[in-house]
Protein backbone atom coordinates (compact mmCIF):
# COMPACT_ATOMS: atom_id res chain seq x y z
CA UNK A 1 12.08 -11.90 24.66
CA UNK A 2 9.00 -9.77 24.51
CA UNK A 3 9.96 -6.57 24.40
CA UNK A 4 12.22 -7.07 21.87
CA UNK A 5 9.82 -8.41 19.22
CA UNK A 6 7.25 -6.13 20.60
CA UNK A 7 9.54 -3.65 19.39
CA UNK A 8 10.01 -5.32 16.17
CA UNK A 9 6.51 -5.26 15.24
CA UNK A 10 6.66 -1.67 15.63
CA UNK A 11 9.31 -0.38 13.36
CA UNK A 12 8.68 -3.01 11.04
CA UNK A 13 4.90 -0.83 11.04
CA UNK A 14 6.79 2.45 11.49
CA UNK A 15 8.75 0.83 7.48
CA UNK A 16 5.41 1.30 5.51
CA UNK A 17 5.92 5.08 6.05
CA UNK A 18 8.39 4.78 3.63
CA UNK A 19 7.97 4.30 0.39
CA UNK A 20 10.65 0.77 -0.74
CA UNK A 21 11.17 0.49 3.17
CA UNK A 22 10.41 -3.37 2.88
CA UNK A 23 12.62 -3.87 0.18
CA UNK A 24 15.07 -2.77 2.57
CA UNK A 25 17.62 -5.67 4.44
CA UNK A 26 16.22 -4.32 7.45
CA UNK A 27 12.63 -4.13 6.29
CA UNK A 28 13.37 -8.24 4.35
CA UNK A 29 15.06 -9.16 7.69
CA UNK A 30 12.39 -8.09 9.77
CA UNK A 31 9.95 -8.85 7.21
CA UNK A 32 11.06 -13.01 8.21
CA UNK A 33 10.45 -12.68 12.07
CA UNK A 34 7.10 -10.31 12.10
CA UNK A 35 4.73 -11.91 8.84
CA UNK A 36 4.21 -15.95 10.16
CA UNK A 37 2.72 -13.94 13.62
CA UNK A 38 0.89 -10.98 12.64
CA UNK A 39 -0.66 -12.60 9.21
CA UNK A 40 -2.27 -14.57 11.92
CA UNK A 41 -4.09 -11.05 12.93
CA UNK A 42 -4.43 -10.08 9.18
CA UNK A 43 -8.36 -10.58 9.61
CA UNK A 44 -8.58 -6.82 10.65
CA UNK A 45 -8.65 -4.35 8.55
CA UNK A 46 -11.25 -1.65 7.26
CA UNK A 47 -10.84 -0.47 4.16
CA UNK A 48 -7.40 -0.48 2.60
CA UNK A 49 -6.25 0.36 5.99
CA UNK A 50 -4.66 -2.98 8.04
CA UNK A 51 -4.41 -3.35 11.91
CA UNK A 52 -2.76 -6.71 12.37
CA UNK A 53 0.43 -5.01 14.11
CA UNK A 54 -2.29 -3.38 16.67
CA UNK A 55 -3.43 -6.74 17.20
CA UNK A 56 -0.78 -8.59 17.97
CA UNK A 57 1.13 -6.28 20.19
CA UNK A 58 -2.57 -6.60 22.07
CA UNK A 59 -2.16 -10.05 21.81
CA UNK A 60 1.72 -10.13 22.68
CA UNK A 61 0.85 -7.73 25.63
CA UNK A 62 -1.89 -10.18 27.64
CA UNK A 63 0.60 -12.65 26.81
CA UNK A 64 3.53 -11.36 28.77
CA UNK A 65 0.76 -10.06 31.56
CA UNK A 66 -0.21 -13.85 31.44
CA UNK A 67 2.76 -15.54 32.38
CA UNK A 68 3.76 -12.46 34.67
CA UNK A 69 0.83 -13.20 36.65
CA UNK A 70 1.14 -17.46 36.56
CA UNK A 71 4.80 -17.07 37.85
CA UNK A 72 3.22 -14.85 40.40
CA UNK A 73 0.88 -18.12 41.68
CA UNK A 74 4.63 -19.96 41.48
CA UNK A 75 6.20 -17.26 43.54
CA UNK A 76 8.87 -16.40 41.46
CA UNK A 77 9.11 -12.48 40.51
CA UNK A 78 9.78 -11.14 37.45
């Protein structure tokens, strides 16, 4: 599930390269599911360049690794 959400963040970030892509049906859909989480990381900005998607992906990877570590502790291998 985290892998699917990771791809959603990547695709949403790539939409910024195409004018008007956020206003497409795909852009609006991804915005509804990605923006609430990504909004927490809007502080990661240098000038006009935002790094919120990068920070969000790093946090997701840390969460995923944490879940795997906890699962290994309890003898569950994912």
